[in-house]
N, C-alpha and C. Protein backbone atom coordinates (compact mmCIF):
# COMPACT_ATOMS: atom_id res chain seq x y z
N MET A 1 0.82 -1.22 0.00
CA MET A 1 0.00 0.00 0.00
C MET A 1 0.85 1.26 0.00
N CYS A 2 2.01 1.18 0.67
CA CYS A 2 2.85 2.39 0.79
C CYS A 2 3.89 2.47 -0.31
N GLY A 3 3.88 1.53 -1.24
CA GLY A 3 4.87 1.58 -2.30
C GLY A 3 4.59 2.71 -3.28
N PHE A 4 5.54 3.61 -3.41
CA PHE A 4 5.40 4.73 -4.35
C PHE A 4 6.71 4.86 -5.10
N ASP A 5 6.70 4.44 -6.34
CA ASP A 5 7.89 4.48 -7.16
C ASP A 5 8.14 5.89 -7.66
N LYS A 6 9.38 6.35 -7.55
CA LYS A 6 9.72 7.72 -7.95
C LYS A 6 9.57 7.95 -9.44
N ASP A 7 9.67 6.88 -10.23
CA ASP A 7 9.57 7.02 -11.68
C ASP A 7 8.13 6.87 -12.18
N LYS A 8 7.44 5.82 -11.74
CA LYS A 8 6.08 5.57 -12.21
C LYS A 8 5.02 6.17 -11.29
N GLY A 9 5.41 6.46 -10.05
CA GLY A 9 4.45 6.98 -9.08
C GLY A 9 3.80 8.29 -9.49
N PRO A 10 4.57 9.29 -9.96
CA PRO A 10 3.95 10.56 -10.36
C PRO A 10 2.89 10.41 -11.44
N ARG A 11 3.13 9.52 -12.40
CA ARG A 11 2.14 9.32 -13.46
C ARG A 11 0.86 8.69 -12.89
N ARG A 12 1.02 7.75 -11.98
CA ARG A 12 -0.15 7.14 -11.35
C ARG A 12 -0.92 8.16 -10.53
N LEU A 13 -0.18 9.01 -9.82
CA LEU A 13 -0.84 10.05 -9.01
C LEU A 13 -1.59 11.03 -9.90
N MET A 14 -1.01 11.37 -11.04
CA MET A 14 -1.69 12.26 -11.97
C MET A 14 -2.97 11.62 -12.50
N LYS A 15 -2.92 10.34 -12.83
CA LYS A 15 -4.12 9.65 -13.32
C LYS A 15 -5.21 9.61 -12.25
N LYS A 16 -4.80 9.35 -11.01
CA LYS A 16 -5.78 9.34 -9.92
C LYS A 16 -6.38 10.73 -9.74
N GLY A 17 -5.56 11.78 -9.89
CA GLY A 17 -6.07 13.14 -9.77
C GLY A 17 -7.07 13.47 -10.87
N LEU A 18 -6.75 13.08 -12.10
CA LEU A 18 -7.68 13.30 -13.21
C LEU A 18 -8.98 12.54 -13.00
N THR A 19 -8.87 11.32 -12.49
CA THR A 19 -10.08 10.52 -12.22
C THR A 19 -10.93 11.18 -11.14
N LEU A 20 -10.27 11.70 -10.10
CA LEU A 20 -11.02 12.40 -9.04
C LEU A 20 -11.75 13.62 -9.59
N ILE A 21 -11.10 14.36 -10.46
CA ILE A 21 -11.75 15.54 -11.05
C ILE A 21 -12.96 15.12 -11.87
N LEU A 22 -12.81 14.09 -12.68
CA LEU A 22 -13.92 13.61 -13.52
C LEU A 22 -15.08 13.10 -12.67
N VAL A 23 -14.76 12.24 -11.70
CA VAL A 23 -15.81 11.68 -10.84
C VAL A 23 -16.47 12.78 -10.01
N GLY A 24 -15.66 13.73 -9.53
CA GLY A 24 -16.22 14.83 -8.75
C GLY A 24 -17.19 15.67 -9.56
N HIS A 25 -16.85 15.95 -10.82
CA HIS A 25 -17.75 16.71 -11.68
C HIS A 25 -19.07 15.95 -11.90
N ILE A 26 -18.96 14.66 -12.17
CA ILE A 26 -20.18 13.87 -12.41
C ILE A 26 -21.05 13.84 -11.16
N ASN A 27 -20.43 13.62 -10.01
CA ASN A 27 -21.20 13.56 -8.76
C ASN A 27 -21.84 14.91 -8.45
N PHE A 28 -21.11 15.98 -8.72
CA PHE A 28 -21.66 17.32 -8.47
C PHE A 28 -22.86 17.58 -9.39
N ILE A 29 -22.74 17.21 -10.65
CA ILE A 29 -23.83 17.44 -11.60
C ILE A 29 -25.06 16.61 -11.23
N LEU A 30 -24.85 15.35 -10.87
CA LEU A 30 -25.98 14.50 -10.48
C LEU A 30 -26.67 15.04 -9.23
N GLY A 31 -25.86 15.47 -8.24
CA GLY A 31 -26.44 16.05 -7.04
C GLY A 31 -27.22 17.33 -7.33
N ALA A 32 -26.70 18.15 -8.24
CA ALA A 32 -27.41 19.38 -8.61
C ALA A 32 -28.72 19.07 -9.33
N ILE A 33 -28.72 18.02 -10.16
CA ILE A 33 -29.96 17.64 -10.86
C ILE A 33 -31.01 17.16 -9.87
N VAL A 34 -30.59 16.35 -8.90
CA VAL A 34 -31.53 15.86 -7.89
C VAL A 34 -32.12 17.03 -7.12
N HIS A 35 -31.27 17.97 -6.72
CA HIS A 35 -31.76 19.12 -5.96
C HIS A 35 -32.66 20.00 -6.80
N GLY A 36 -32.27 20.22 -8.06
CA GLY A 36 -33.04 21.12 -8.91
C GLY A 36 -34.39 20.56 -9.31
N ASN A 37 -34.48 19.24 -9.49
CA ASN A 37 -35.72 18.64 -9.98
C ASN A 37 -36.61 18.09 -8.88
N VAL A 38 -36.01 17.70 -7.75
CA VAL A 38 -36.78 17.01 -6.72
C VAL A 38 -36.72 17.72 -5.38
N LEU A 39 -35.52 17.81 -4.81
CA LEU A 39 -35.40 18.19 -3.40
C LEU A 39 -35.76 19.65 -3.13
N ARG A 40 -35.69 20.50 -4.11
CA ARG A 40 -36.05 21.90 -3.85
C ARG A 40 -37.53 22.05 -3.58
N HIS A 41 -38.33 21.06 -3.98
CA HIS A 41 -39.77 21.11 -3.71
C HIS A 41 -40.12 20.54 -2.35
N ILE A 42 -39.27 19.69 -1.80
CA ILE A 42 -39.63 19.02 -0.55
C ILE A 42 -38.68 19.36 0.59
N SER A 43 -37.71 20.25 0.35
CA SER A 43 -36.75 20.57 1.40
C SER A 43 -37.41 21.27 2.57
N LYS A 44 -38.51 21.98 2.31
CA LYS A 44 -39.20 22.65 3.40
C LYS A 44 -40.70 22.78 3.09
N PRO A 45 -41.39 21.68 2.90
CA PRO A 45 -42.82 21.76 2.63
C PRO A 45 -43.61 21.95 3.92
N SER A 46 -44.36 23.04 4.00
CA SER A 46 -45.20 23.32 5.17
C SER A 46 -44.39 23.29 6.47
N GLN A 47 -43.18 23.84 6.41
CA GLN A 47 -42.28 23.90 7.56
C GLN A 47 -41.84 22.53 8.05
N GLU A 48 -42.02 21.47 7.27
CA GLU A 48 -41.57 20.13 7.64
C GLU A 48 -40.33 19.79 6.79
N ILE A 49 -39.20 19.82 7.41
CA ILE A 49 -37.95 19.63 6.67
C ILE A 49 -37.63 18.14 6.56
N SER A 50 -37.44 17.67 5.35
CA SER A 50 -37.06 16.27 5.12
C SER A 50 -35.54 16.16 5.26
N THR A 51 -35.09 15.93 6.48
CA THR A 51 -33.68 16.01 6.82
C THR A 51 -32.83 15.02 6.03
N GLU A 52 -33.28 13.77 5.93
CA GLU A 52 -32.44 12.75 5.30
C GLU A 52 -32.16 13.06 3.85
N TYR A 53 -33.10 13.74 3.16
CA TYR A 53 -32.89 14.08 1.76
C TYR A 53 -31.99 15.30 1.62
N THR A 54 -32.29 16.34 2.39
CA THR A 54 -31.55 17.58 2.26
C THR A 54 -30.08 17.42 2.64
N VAL A 55 -29.83 16.78 3.79
CA VAL A 55 -28.45 16.61 4.24
C VAL A 55 -27.66 15.74 3.27
N ALA A 56 -28.27 14.65 2.82
CA ALA A 56 -27.58 13.75 1.89
C ALA A 56 -27.21 14.47 0.60
N ASN A 57 -28.11 15.33 0.11
CA ASN A 57 -27.83 16.03 -1.14
C ASN A 57 -26.76 17.09 -0.96
N ILE A 58 -26.80 17.82 0.15
CA ILE A 58 -25.79 18.85 0.41
C ILE A 58 -24.40 18.21 0.52
N ILE A 59 -24.31 17.10 1.25
CA ILE A 59 -23.04 16.40 1.39
C ILE A 59 -22.56 15.89 0.04
N SER A 60 -23.49 15.41 -0.80
CA SER A 60 -23.12 14.90 -2.11
C SER A 60 -22.50 15.99 -2.98
N VAL A 61 -23.12 17.16 -3.01
CA VAL A 61 -22.60 18.27 -3.80
C VAL A 61 -21.25 18.74 -3.26
N THR A 62 -21.15 18.86 -1.93
CA THR A 62 -19.89 19.30 -1.31
C THR A 62 -18.78 18.29 -1.56
N SER A 63 -19.13 17.01 -1.50
CA SER A 63 -18.13 15.97 -1.77
C SER A 63 -17.61 16.06 -3.20
N GLY A 64 -18.50 16.36 -4.14
CA GLY A 64 -18.06 16.51 -5.52
C GLY A 64 -17.08 17.66 -5.69
N LEU A 65 -17.37 18.79 -5.03
CA LEU A 65 -16.47 19.94 -5.12
C LEU A 65 -15.12 19.65 -4.48
N LEU A 66 -15.14 19.00 -3.30
CA LEU A 66 -13.88 18.69 -2.62
C LEU A 66 -13.08 17.65 -3.39
N SER A 67 -13.76 16.74 -4.07
CA SER A 67 -13.05 15.75 -4.90
C SER A 67 -12.33 16.44 -6.05
N ILE A 68 -12.96 17.44 -6.64
CA ILE A 68 -12.31 18.20 -7.70
C ILE A 68 -11.07 18.91 -7.18
N ALA A 69 -11.18 19.53 -5.99
CA ALA A 69 -10.02 20.21 -5.41
C ALA A 69 -8.90 19.22 -5.08
N THR A 70 -9.27 18.06 -4.54
CA THR A 70 -8.26 17.04 -4.22
C THR A 70 -7.57 16.54 -5.49
N GLY A 71 -8.34 16.35 -6.56
CA GLY A 71 -7.75 15.92 -7.82
C GLY A 71 -6.77 16.94 -8.38
N ILE A 72 -7.12 18.21 -8.27
CA ILE A 72 -6.22 19.26 -8.77
C ILE A 72 -4.91 19.26 -7.97
N ILE A 73 -5.02 19.16 -6.65
CA ILE A 73 -3.82 19.15 -5.82
C ILE A 73 -2.97 17.92 -6.12
N ALA A 74 -3.62 16.77 -6.34
CA ALA A 74 -2.87 15.55 -6.67
C ALA A 74 -2.09 15.71 -7.96
N ILE A 75 -2.69 16.36 -8.96
CA ILE A 75 -2.00 16.58 -10.22
C ILE A 75 -0.80 17.51 -10.03
N VAL A 76 -0.99 18.57 -9.25
CA VAL A 76 0.11 19.51 -9.00
C VAL A 76 1.24 18.82 -8.23
N VAL A 77 0.87 17.99 -7.24
CA VAL A 77 1.89 17.28 -6.47
C VAL A 77 2.67 16.31 -7.36
N SER A 78 2.00 15.69 -8.32
CA SER A 78 2.68 14.73 -9.19
C SER A 78 3.79 15.38 -10.00
N ARG A 79 3.70 16.69 -10.20
CA ARG A 79 4.75 17.41 -10.94
C ARG A 79 5.73 18.10 -10.00
N ASN A 80 5.42 18.13 -8.70
CA ASN A 80 6.28 18.81 -7.72
C ASN A 80 6.32 17.98 -6.44
N LEU A 81 6.91 16.80 -6.52
CA LEU A 81 6.87 15.87 -5.39
C LEU A 81 7.62 16.39 -4.17
N HIS A 82 8.61 17.24 -4.36
CA HIS A 82 9.46 17.66 -3.26
C HIS A 82 8.93 18.87 -2.50
N VAL A 83 7.84 19.50 -2.95
CA VAL A 83 7.33 20.71 -2.31
C VAL A 83 6.55 20.34 -1.06
N LEU A 84 7.01 20.84 0.08
CA LEU A 84 6.42 20.48 1.37
C LEU A 84 4.97 20.92 1.48
N ARG A 85 4.66 22.14 1.08
CA ARG A 85 3.30 22.66 1.23
C ARG A 85 2.30 21.84 0.42
N LEU A 86 2.71 21.44 -0.76
CA LEU A 86 1.81 20.63 -1.58
C LEU A 86 1.59 19.25 -0.97
N GLN A 87 2.63 18.69 -0.39
CA GLN A 87 2.48 17.39 0.27
C GLN A 87 1.49 17.48 1.43
N ILE A 88 1.62 18.53 2.23
CA ILE A 88 0.70 18.72 3.35
C ILE A 88 -0.71 18.99 2.85
N GLY A 89 -0.83 19.77 1.78
CA GLY A 89 -2.15 20.03 1.19
C GLY A 89 -2.81 18.76 0.70
N LEU A 90 -2.00 17.87 0.09
CA LEU A 90 -2.54 16.60 -0.38
C LEU A 90 -3.03 15.76 0.79
N LEU A 91 -2.27 15.74 1.88
CA LEU A 91 -2.67 14.98 3.06
C LEU A 91 -3.99 15.49 3.62
N ILE A 92 -4.10 16.80 3.77
CA ILE A 92 -5.29 17.38 4.40
C ILE A 92 -6.53 17.19 3.53
N THR A 93 -6.42 17.57 2.25
CA THR A 93 -7.60 17.49 1.38
C THR A 93 -8.03 16.04 1.13
N SER A 94 -7.07 15.14 1.01
CA SER A 94 -7.43 13.75 0.73
C SER A 94 -8.13 13.11 1.91
N VAL A 95 -7.65 13.38 3.13
CA VAL A 95 -8.30 12.76 4.29
C VAL A 95 -9.69 13.37 4.52
N LEU A 96 -9.81 14.69 4.30
CA LEU A 96 -11.13 15.32 4.43
C LEU A 96 -12.10 14.79 3.38
N ASN A 97 -11.61 14.64 2.17
CA ASN A 97 -12.48 14.15 1.10
C ASN A 97 -12.86 12.69 1.32
N ALA A 98 -11.92 11.90 1.86
CA ALA A 98 -12.24 10.50 2.15
C ALA A 98 -13.36 10.41 3.19
N LEU A 99 -13.26 11.22 4.24
CA LEU A 99 -14.29 11.21 5.28
C LEU A 99 -15.63 11.73 4.74
N LEU A 100 -15.57 12.82 3.97
CA LEU A 100 -16.81 13.40 3.44
C LEU A 100 -17.46 12.48 2.41
N SER A 101 -16.65 11.84 1.58
CA SER A 101 -17.21 10.93 0.58
C SER A 101 -17.82 9.70 1.25
N ALA A 102 -17.17 9.21 2.31
CA ALA A 102 -17.75 8.09 3.05
C ALA A 102 -19.07 8.49 3.70
N ALA A 103 -19.11 9.71 4.27
CA ALA A 103 -20.37 10.20 4.85
C ALA A 103 -21.43 10.39 3.78
N CYS A 104 -21.00 10.85 2.60
CA CYS A 104 -21.93 11.03 1.49
C CYS A 104 -22.53 9.70 1.06
N CYS A 105 -21.69 8.70 0.92
CA CYS A 105 -22.16 7.37 0.52
C CYS A 105 -23.12 6.80 1.55
N THR A 106 -22.78 6.97 2.85
CA THR A 106 -23.65 6.48 3.92
C THR A 106 -24.99 7.21 3.91
N GLY A 107 -24.94 8.55 3.76
CA GLY A 107 -26.17 9.33 3.74
C GLY A 107 -27.07 8.98 2.57
N LEU A 108 -26.47 8.78 1.40
CA LEU A 108 -27.27 8.43 0.22
C LEU A 108 -27.88 7.03 0.36
N LEU A 109 -27.11 6.10 0.92
CA LEU A 109 -27.67 4.77 1.15
C LEU A 109 -28.82 4.83 2.15
N LEU A 110 -28.69 5.69 3.17
CA LEU A 110 -29.79 5.88 4.12
C LEU A 110 -31.01 6.48 3.44
N ALA A 111 -30.80 7.50 2.60
CA ALA A 111 -31.91 8.12 1.89
C ALA A 111 -32.59 7.12 0.95
N ILE A 112 -31.78 6.31 0.27
CA ILE A 112 -32.35 5.29 -0.63
C ILE A 112 -33.17 4.28 0.17
N SER A 113 -32.63 3.85 1.33
CA SER A 113 -33.34 2.87 2.15
C SER A 113 -34.67 3.42 2.66
N VAL A 114 -34.65 4.68 3.12
CA VAL A 114 -35.89 5.30 3.62
C VAL A 114 -36.90 5.45 2.49
N THR A 115 -36.44 5.84 1.32
CA THR A 115 -37.34 6.02 0.18
C THR A 115 -37.98 4.70 -0.24
N VAL A 116 -37.15 3.66 -0.34
CA VAL A 116 -37.68 2.36 -0.77
C VAL A 116 -38.62 1.79 0.29
N ALA A 117 -38.25 1.93 1.58
CA ALA A 117 -39.07 1.36 2.66
C ALA A 117 -40.45 2.00 2.74
N HIS A 118 -40.54 3.30 2.42
CA HIS A 118 -41.82 4.01 2.51
C HIS A 118 -42.43 4.28 1.14
N ASN A 119 -41.92 3.59 0.12
CA ASN A 119 -42.45 3.76 -1.24
C ASN A 119 -42.46 5.21 -1.70
N GLY A 120 -41.45 5.96 -1.30
CA GLY A 120 -41.32 7.34 -1.74
C GLY A 120 -42.29 8.31 -1.09
N GLN A 121 -42.81 7.96 0.08
CA GLN A 121 -43.77 8.86 0.74
C GLN A 121 -43.13 10.19 1.09
N GLY A 122 -41.84 10.16 1.45
CA GLY A 122 -41.17 11.42 1.77
C GLY A 122 -41.03 12.34 0.58
N LEU A 123 -41.05 11.79 -0.63
CA LEU A 123 -40.96 12.62 -1.83
C LEU A 123 -42.25 13.37 -2.12
N MET A 124 -43.33 13.01 -1.43
CA MET A 124 -44.64 13.62 -1.68
C MET A 124 -45.10 14.51 -0.55
N LEU A 125 -44.17 14.95 0.30
CA LEU A 125 -44.56 15.75 1.45
C LEU A 125 -45.15 17.10 1.05
N GLY A 126 -44.83 17.57 -0.12
CA GLY A 126 -45.35 18.87 -0.55
C GLY A 126 -46.74 18.81 -1.14
N CYS A 127 -47.33 17.61 -1.25
CA CYS A 127 -48.65 17.46 -1.85
C CYS A 127 -49.74 17.53 -0.77
N ASN A 128 -50.98 17.81 -1.22
CA ASN A 128 -52.09 17.92 -0.28
C ASN A 128 -53.38 17.44 -0.95
N ASP A 129 -54.50 17.84 -0.37
CA ASP A 129 -55.84 17.51 -0.89
C ASP A 129 -56.14 16.01 -0.83
N THR A 130 -55.66 15.35 0.16
CA THR A 130 -56.05 13.96 0.38
C THR A 130 -55.82 13.60 1.84
N LEU A 131 -56.74 12.85 2.40
CA LEU A 131 -56.61 12.41 3.78
C LEU A 131 -55.85 11.10 3.88
N VAL A 132 -55.61 10.48 2.74
CA VAL A 132 -54.90 9.22 2.70
C VAL A 132 -53.41 9.49 2.54
N PRO A 133 -52.55 8.90 3.39
CA PRO A 133 -51.10 9.08 3.20
C PRO A 133 -50.68 8.59 1.83
N ILE A 134 -50.15 9.47 1.03
CA ILE A 134 -49.80 9.12 -0.34
C ILE A 134 -48.30 8.90 -0.45
N ASN A 135 -47.89 8.17 -1.47
CA ASN A 135 -46.48 7.98 -1.74
C ASN A 135 -46.26 8.13 -3.23
N ALA A 136 -45.01 8.07 -3.62
CA ALA A 136 -44.67 8.32 -5.01
C ALA A 136 -45.19 7.23 -5.94
N ARG A 137 -45.57 6.09 -5.42
CA ARG A 137 -46.05 4.99 -6.25
C ARG A 137 -47.55 4.74 -6.04
N SER A 138 -48.22 5.69 -5.40
CA SER A 138 -49.63 5.52 -5.11
C SER A 138 -50.49 6.06 -6.25
N PRO A 139 -51.61 5.39 -6.56
CA PRO A 139 -52.51 5.90 -7.60
C PRO A 139 -53.40 7.04 -7.12
N VAL A 140 -53.33 7.35 -5.80
CA VAL A 140 -54.16 8.43 -5.27
C VAL A 140 -53.69 9.76 -5.84
N SER A 141 -54.62 10.51 -6.41
CA SER A 141 -54.28 11.80 -7.01
C SER A 141 -54.23 12.87 -5.93
N ALA A 142 -53.36 13.81 -6.11
CA ALA A 142 -53.22 14.93 -5.16
C ALA A 142 -52.58 16.09 -5.89
N ARG A 143 -52.87 17.28 -5.37
CA ARG A 143 -52.27 18.47 -5.96
C ARG A 143 -50.86 18.64 -5.42
N CYS A 144 -49.93 18.75 -6.32
CA CYS A 144 -48.53 18.90 -5.93
C CYS A 144 -47.94 20.09 -6.67
N PRO A 145 -47.01 20.80 -6.03
CA PRO A 145 -46.38 21.95 -6.68
C PRO A 145 -45.29 21.54 -7.67
N PHE A 146 -45.17 20.26 -7.94
CA PHE A 146 -44.16 19.78 -8.86
C PHE A 146 -44.70 18.58 -9.61
N ASP A 147 -44.01 18.22 -10.66
CA ASP A 147 -44.42 17.09 -11.49
C ASP A 147 -44.03 15.78 -10.81
N THR A 148 -45.01 14.94 -10.52
CA THR A 148 -44.74 13.68 -9.82
C THR A 148 -44.52 12.51 -10.76
N THR A 149 -44.50 12.76 -12.06
CA THR A 149 -44.33 11.68 -13.03
C THR A 149 -42.97 11.02 -12.87
N ARG A 150 -43.00 9.75 -12.49
CA ARG A 150 -41.80 8.94 -12.34
C ARG A 150 -40.78 9.57 -11.41
N ILE A 151 -41.25 10.30 -10.41
CA ILE A 151 -40.33 10.96 -9.48
C ILE A 151 -39.58 9.92 -8.64
N TYR A 152 -40.25 8.81 -8.32
CA TYR A 152 -39.63 7.76 -7.52
C TYR A 152 -38.48 7.11 -8.28
N GLU A 153 -38.75 6.71 -9.52
CA GLU A 153 -37.72 6.04 -10.31
C GLU A 153 -36.57 6.98 -10.65
N THR A 154 -36.91 8.25 -10.96
CA THR A 154 -35.87 9.22 -11.32
C THR A 154 -34.93 9.49 -10.16
N THR A 155 -35.51 9.66 -8.97
CA THR A 155 -34.69 9.95 -7.79
C THR A 155 -33.74 8.81 -7.48
N LEU A 156 -34.25 7.59 -7.50
CA LEU A 156 -33.40 6.43 -7.21
C LEU A 156 -32.35 6.24 -8.30
N ALA A 157 -32.74 6.50 -9.55
CA ALA A 157 -31.79 6.34 -10.66
C ALA A 157 -30.63 7.32 -10.56
N LEU A 158 -30.83 8.44 -9.88
CA LEU A 158 -29.75 9.41 -9.70
C LEU A 158 -28.99 9.15 -8.41
N TRP A 159 -29.69 8.73 -7.37
CA TRP A 159 -29.04 8.50 -6.09
C TRP A 159 -28.11 7.29 -6.09
N ILE A 160 -28.51 6.23 -6.76
CA ILE A 160 -27.69 5.01 -6.75
C ILE A 160 -26.32 5.25 -7.38
N PRO A 161 -26.23 5.85 -8.59
CA PRO A 161 -24.88 6.14 -9.11
C PRO A 161 -24.13 7.14 -8.26
N CYS A 162 -24.83 8.09 -7.63
CA CYS A 162 -24.16 9.05 -6.75
C CYS A 162 -23.48 8.33 -5.58
N SER A 163 -24.17 7.36 -4.99
CA SER A 163 -23.58 6.62 -3.87
C SER A 163 -22.37 5.80 -4.32
N LEU A 164 -22.45 5.19 -5.50
CA LEU A 164 -21.32 4.43 -6.02
C LEU A 164 -20.13 5.34 -6.31
N LEU A 165 -20.41 6.51 -6.90
CA LEU A 165 -19.33 7.45 -7.18
C LEU A 165 -18.71 7.98 -5.90
N ALA A 166 -19.53 8.20 -4.87
CA ALA A 166 -19.00 8.66 -3.59
C ALA A 166 -18.07 7.61 -2.97
N ALA A 167 -18.45 6.34 -3.08
CA ALA A 167 -17.58 5.28 -2.58
C ALA A 167 -16.26 5.24 -3.36
N PHE A 168 -16.34 5.45 -4.67
CA PHE A 168 -15.14 5.49 -5.51
C PHE A 168 -14.26 6.67 -5.14
N GLU A 169 -14.88 7.82 -4.89
CA GLU A 169 -14.12 9.00 -4.45
C GLU A 169 -13.40 8.72 -3.14
N ALA A 170 -14.08 8.06 -2.22
CA ALA A 170 -13.45 7.75 -0.93
C ALA A 170 -12.23 6.85 -1.13
N GLY A 171 -12.35 5.84 -2.00
CA GLY A 171 -11.22 4.96 -2.25
C GLY A 171 -10.03 5.68 -2.87
N LEU A 172 -10.29 6.54 -3.85
CA LEU A 172 -9.21 7.31 -4.48
C LEU A 172 -8.57 8.27 -3.49
N SER A 173 -9.38 8.86 -2.63
CA SER A 173 -8.85 9.80 -1.64
C SER A 173 -7.97 9.09 -0.63
N VAL A 174 -8.36 7.89 -0.22
CA VAL A 174 -7.52 7.11 0.70
C VAL A 174 -6.18 6.79 0.03
N TRP A 175 -6.20 6.44 -1.26
CA TRP A 175 -4.96 6.17 -1.97
C TRP A 175 -4.07 7.41 -2.01
N CYS A 176 -4.65 8.58 -2.29
CA CYS A 176 -3.88 9.83 -2.31
C CYS A 176 -3.33 10.15 -0.92
N PHE A 177 -4.10 9.85 0.12
CA PHE A 177 -3.63 10.10 1.48
C PHE A 177 -2.42 9.22 1.80
N ILE A 178 -2.47 7.96 1.37
CA ILE A 178 -1.34 7.05 1.59
C ILE A 178 -0.11 7.55 0.83
N VAL A 179 -0.31 8.07 -0.37
CA VAL A 179 0.81 8.65 -1.12
C VAL A 179 1.40 9.83 -0.36
N GLY A 180 0.53 10.66 0.22
CA GLY A 180 1.02 11.79 1.02
C GLY A 180 1.83 11.32 2.22
N LEU A 181 1.38 10.25 2.87
CA LEU A 181 2.14 9.70 4.00
C LEU A 181 3.51 9.20 3.53
N ALA A 182 3.53 8.54 2.38
CA ALA A 182 4.80 8.04 1.85
C ALA A 182 5.75 9.19 1.51
N LEU A 183 5.22 10.26 0.93
CA LEU A 183 6.06 11.39 0.56
C LEU A 183 6.65 12.08 1.78
N ARG A 184 5.90 12.09 2.88
CA ARG A 184 6.38 12.72 4.11
C ARG A 184 7.15 11.75 5.00
N GLY A 185 7.14 10.46 4.65
CA GLY A 185 7.83 9.47 5.46
C GLY A 185 7.17 9.23 6.79
N LEU A 186 5.85 9.33 6.84
CA LEU A 186 5.11 9.17 8.08
C LEU A 186 4.62 7.74 8.25
N VAL A 187 4.37 7.37 9.49
CA VAL A 187 3.84 6.04 9.81
C VAL A 187 2.44 5.91 9.20
N PRO A 188 2.09 4.78 8.60
CA PRO A 188 2.83 3.52 8.50
C PRO A 188 3.70 3.41 7.25
N CYS A 189 3.95 4.53 6.58
CA CYS A 189 4.71 4.50 5.33
C CYS A 189 6.12 5.06 5.52
N GLY A 190 6.66 4.91 6.72
CA GLY A 190 7.98 5.47 6.99
C GLY A 190 9.12 4.73 6.35
N ASN A 191 8.87 3.49 5.92
CA ASN A 191 9.94 2.69 5.32
C ASN A 191 9.90 2.68 3.80
N SER A 192 9.20 3.66 3.20
CA SER A 192 9.11 3.68 1.74
C SER A 192 10.34 4.31 1.08
N TYR A 193 11.10 5.09 1.85
CA TYR A 193 12.35 5.72 1.39
C TYR A 193 12.14 6.74 0.27
N ILE A 194 10.92 7.03 -0.10
CA ILE A 194 10.70 8.01 -1.16
C ILE A 194 11.09 9.41 -0.69
N LYS A 195 10.90 9.69 0.61
CA LYS A 195 11.27 11.00 1.14
C LYS A 195 12.77 11.22 1.02
N GLU A 196 13.54 10.19 1.39
CA GLU A 196 15.00 10.32 1.28
C GLU A 196 15.44 10.48 -0.17
N GLN A 197 14.79 9.77 -1.08
CA GLN A 197 15.13 9.88 -2.50
C GLN A 197 14.86 11.28 -3.02
N LEU A 198 13.73 11.86 -2.61
CA LEU A 198 13.41 13.22 -3.05
C LEU A 198 14.38 14.23 -2.47
N GLU A 199 14.78 14.04 -1.21
CA GLU A 199 15.73 14.97 -0.60
C GLU A 199 17.09 14.88 -1.28
N GLU A 200 17.51 13.67 -1.61
CA GLU A 200 18.78 13.52 -2.34
C GLU A 200 18.70 14.14 -3.72
N GLU A 201 17.55 13.97 -4.38
CA GLU A 201 17.40 14.56 -5.71
C GLU A 201 17.41 16.07 -5.64
N ALA A 202 16.77 16.64 -4.59
CA ALA A 202 16.76 18.09 -4.44
C ALA A 202 18.17 18.63 -4.19
N GLN A 203 18.98 17.86 -3.46
CA GLN A 203 20.34 18.30 -3.19
C GLN A 203 21.24 18.20 -4.41
N CYS A 204 20.85 17.38 -5.38
CA CYS A 204 21.68 17.17 -6.56
C CYS A 204 21.22 17.98 -7.77
N THR A 205 20.33 18.94 -7.56
CA THR A 205 19.89 19.78 -8.68
C THR A 205 21.03 20.67 -9.14
N PRO A 206 21.00 21.13 -10.40
CA PRO A 206 22.08 22.01 -10.90
C PRO A 206 22.26 23.25 -10.05
N HIS A 207 21.17 23.82 -9.54
CA HIS A 207 21.28 25.02 -8.73
C HIS A 207 22.02 24.71 -7.43
N SER A 208 21.69 23.54 -6.82
CA SER A 208 22.36 23.17 -5.58
C SER A 208 23.84 22.92 -5.82
N ARG A 209 24.17 22.25 -6.91
CA ARG A 209 25.58 22.00 -7.21
C ARG A 209 26.33 23.30 -7.46
N HIS A 210 25.65 24.27 -8.08
CA HIS A 210 26.30 25.57 -8.31
C HIS A 210 26.60 26.27 -7.00
N LEU A 211 25.64 26.19 -6.05
CA LEU A 211 25.87 26.82 -4.75
C LEU A 211 27.01 26.14 -4.00
N ILE A 212 27.04 24.79 -4.08
CA ILE A 212 28.12 24.06 -3.42
C ILE A 212 29.46 24.42 -4.04
N GLY A 213 29.49 24.55 -5.37
CA GLY A 213 30.73 24.91 -6.04
C GLY A 213 31.20 26.30 -5.65
N GLN A 214 30.28 27.24 -5.46
CA GLN A 214 30.66 28.58 -5.04
C GLN A 214 31.25 28.58 -3.65
N ARG A 215 30.68 27.71 -2.76
CA ARG A 215 31.22 27.65 -1.41
C ARG A 215 32.61 27.03 -1.39
N LEU A 216 32.84 26.03 -2.23
CA LEU A 216 34.14 25.39 -2.27
C LEU A 216 35.18 26.24 -2.98
N ASN A 217 34.73 27.04 -3.97
CA ASN A 217 35.65 27.89 -4.74
C ASN A 217 35.11 29.31 -4.75
N PRO A 218 35.28 30.04 -3.69
CA PRO A 218 34.73 31.40 -3.61
C PRO A 218 35.31 32.37 -4.63
N ASP A 219 36.48 32.06 -5.22
CA ASP A 219 37.09 32.97 -6.18
C ASP A 219 36.45 32.87 -7.56
N ILE A 220 35.61 31.80 -7.78
CA ILE A 220 35.01 31.61 -9.12
C ILE A 220 33.85 32.58 -9.27
């Protein structure tokens, strides 16, 4: 897990960063579609807030944005492995994104479970004109401020890929975090020796050799 090759590792890190950016964009777009078409109608119907839907969607959108930021930092780090600030930035953003993506996946799975268990009744909280508890799959007609056509199937069709993408984001973020540990030589990746290799490479740059030569031969 802690193996990071100095030659092939940067290319792998760049690919993981590009994948995070792509997955983050898709997750963000799907979350925005769900909010724009469904959740904005039921987030506060008659002062009754559907918490499981609203929180899950907000976390999903935020996770997508943070995944994009983590991917960008991973790409920059792949071209500048020896920069301390970038290494620390990769550690912080990757661990935050891993936790947020895991929370996003858990929240979406909870929302899916609640929706399936109640046949989408929570999706119809904004409807009225019926004394019978209605759900998204009920033939009972009711006046709703939004289009209820296939709302149940559409919501699940968007939430399921969102949860899978969130799990994928969490896995990629954990991999980037392990790379950050290896670059800093931190436990449990302290024996990867990549930190020592980067320090030796930094000391052997042409600029460093020029400075050493000036110190050895001040008359030059």
